[in-house]
């Protein structure tokens, strides 16, 4: 089992501002192959934002490329999402995700609200 805790980062920010999300993993961390961030806006489905593999391979959804940066500190078992140039349409609950050999795991989510 893997436990994910979104430790910090959500909140209210004006358009153009920045936030950094962080998520720490504990438990069977050796089984984790990739970690990432998803988001779910009101009335919409949860969608991938960014993903980083154990080996450092990174994927971003097109509409965050150039604005968001995902990174991973393997020593701290923590994944980060630096979000710059935030837009009102980035408003959503952001969920940390881990893909492992034993299953897929989710954090509880952290709300990001971007005001215009």
Protein backbone atom coordinates (compact mmCIF):
# COMPACT_ATOMS: atom_id res chain seq x y z
CA UNK A 1 0.00 0.00 0.00
CA UNK A 2 1.03 3.56 -0.70
CA UNK A 3 -0.21 6.61 1.13
CA UNK A 4 -0.15 10.04 -0.52
CA UNK A 5 -0.42 13.30 1.36
CA UNK A 6 -0.73 16.60 -0.45
CA UNK A 7 1.27 18.58 2.02
CA UNK A 8 1.00 22.09 0.78
CA UNK A 9 0.31 24.44 -2.04
CA UNK A 10 -3.37 24.84 -2.71
CA UNK A 11 -5.17 28.10 -2.19
CA UNK A 12 -6.43 31.28 -3.79
CA UNK A 13 -4.28 33.21 -6.23
CA UNK A 14 -4.86 35.93 -8.77
CA UNK A 15 -4.50 35.24 -12.46
CA UNK A 16 -0.85 35.38 -13.45
CA UNK A 17 0.27 34.22 -10.05
CA UNK A 18 2.09 31.08 -8.96
CA UNK A 19 1.58 28.18 -6.58
CA UNK A 20 3.59 25.09 -5.79
CA UNK A 21 1.93 21.84 -4.84
CA UNK A 22 3.76 19.08 -3.04
CA UNK A 23 2.84 15.49 -2.31
CA UNK A 24 4.70 13.02 -0.13
CA UNK A 25 4.46 9.28 -0.55
CA UNK A 26 4.90 6.73 2.19
CA UNK A 27 4.44 3.00 2.55
CA UNK A 28 5.44 0.69 -0.28
CA UNK A 29 7.28 3.40 -2.17
CA UNK A 30 9.58 0.87 -3.84
CA UNK A 31 6.56 -0.25 -5.86
CA UNK A 32 5.91 3.21 -7.37
CA UNK A 33 6.72 3.53 -11.06
CA UNK A 34 5.35 7.00 -11.69
CA UNK A 35 3.78 9.91 -9.85
CA UNK A 36 1.75 12.74 -11.15
CA UNK A 37 -0.93 15.33 -10.75
CA UNK A 38 -4.49 15.26 -11.98
CA UNK A 39 -7.16 17.89 -11.63
CA UNK A 40 -10.94 18.01 -11.60
CA UNK A 41 -12.81 21.21 -12.28
CA UNK A 42 -16.46 21.61 -11.25
CA UNK A 43 -18.70 19.61 -13.54
CA UNK A 44 -15.80 18.05 -15.40
CA UNK A 45 -13.97 14.75 -15.34
CA UNK A 46 -10.65 14.28 -13.62
CA UNK A 47 -7.80 14.78 -16.07
CA UNK A 48 -4.07 14.33 -16.18
CA UNK A 49 -1.98 17.46 -15.72
CA UNK A 50 1.56 16.10 -15.51
CA UNK A 51 3.31 12.82 -14.82
CA UNK A 52 6.88 11.86 -14.00
CA UNK A 53 8.31 8.36 -14.01
CA UNK A 54 10.90 6.90 -11.69
CA UNK A 55 13.44 7.33 -14.45
CA UNK A 56 12.55 10.98 -14.94
CA UNK A 57 10.36 10.76 -18.02
CA UNK A 58 7.82 13.59 -18.01
CA UNK A 59 4.51 14.17 -19.70
CA UNK A 60 2.45 17.38 -19.62
CA UNK A 61 -1.01 18.01 -20.94
CA UNK A 62 -0.77 20.57 -23.74
CA UNK A 63 -2.50 23.44 -21.99
CA UNK A 64 0.00 23.56 -19.11
CA UNK A 65 3.17 23.19 -21.14
CA UNK A 66 5.46 26.13 -20.53
CA UNK A 67 3.58 27.14 -17.39
CA UNK A 68 3.72 24.12 -15.08
CA UNK A 69 6.75 22.09 -14.04
CA UNK A 70 6.65 18.71 -12.36
CA UNK A 71 9.61 17.48 -10.38
CA UNK A 72 10.42 14.67 -8.03
CA UNK A 73 12.72 14.33 -5.03
CA UNK A 74 13.34 10.62 -4.72
CA UNK A 75 15.18 11.02 -1.44
CA UNK A 76 12.08 12.63 0.10
CA UNK A 77 9.59 10.52 -1.88
CA UNK A 78 7.93 13.77 -2.82
CA UNK A 79 6.57 15.10 -6.09
CA UNK A 80 6.07 18.79 -6.78
CA UNK A 81 4.04 20.79 -9.25
CA UNK A 82 5.21 24.35 -9.81
CA UNK A 83 2.40 26.29 -11.43
CA UNK A 84 3.18 29.66 -12.97
CA UNK A 85 1.11 32.09 -15.04
CA UNK A 86 -2.04 30.65 -13.56
CA UNK A 87 -5.33 31.24 -15.35
CA UNK A 88 -8.90 31.15 -14.05
CA UNK A 89 -9.44 27.98 -16.07
CA UNK A 90 -6.79 26.27 -13.94
CA UNK A 91 -9.23 26.40 -11.03
CA UNK A 92 -9.79 22.84 -9.86
CA UNK A 93 -9.11 20.31 -7.18
CA UNK A 94 -5.65 18.92 -7.81
CA UNK A 95 -4.97 15.30 -6.91
CA UNK A 96 -1.65 13.61 -6.39
CA UNK A 97 -1.39 10.21 -8.05
CA UNK A 98 1.00 7.28 -7.82
CA UNK A 99 1.12 4.32 -10.18
CA UNK A 100 2.65 1.24 -8.69
CA UNK A 101 3.04 -2.44 -9.24
CA UNK A 102 0.47 -3.02 -6.50
CA UNK A 103 -2.11 -0.51 -7.67
CA UNK A 104 -2.95 3.13 -8.31
CA UNK A 105 -3.17 5.54 -5.40
CA UNK A 106 -4.67 8.99 -4.88
CA UNK A 107 -4.26 11.83 -2.48
CA UNK A 108 -7.28 13.57 -1.02
CA UNK A 109 -6.91 16.59 -3.26
CA UNK A 110 -6.11 20.24 -2.75
CA UNK A 111 -8.20 23.11 -4.07
CA UNK A 112 -6.59 25.68 -6.34
CA UNK A 113 -8.68 28.76 -7.10
CA UNK A 114 -7.49 31.33 -9.60
CA UNK A 115 -9.34 34.63 -9.60
CA UNK A 116 -9.56 36.87 -12.64
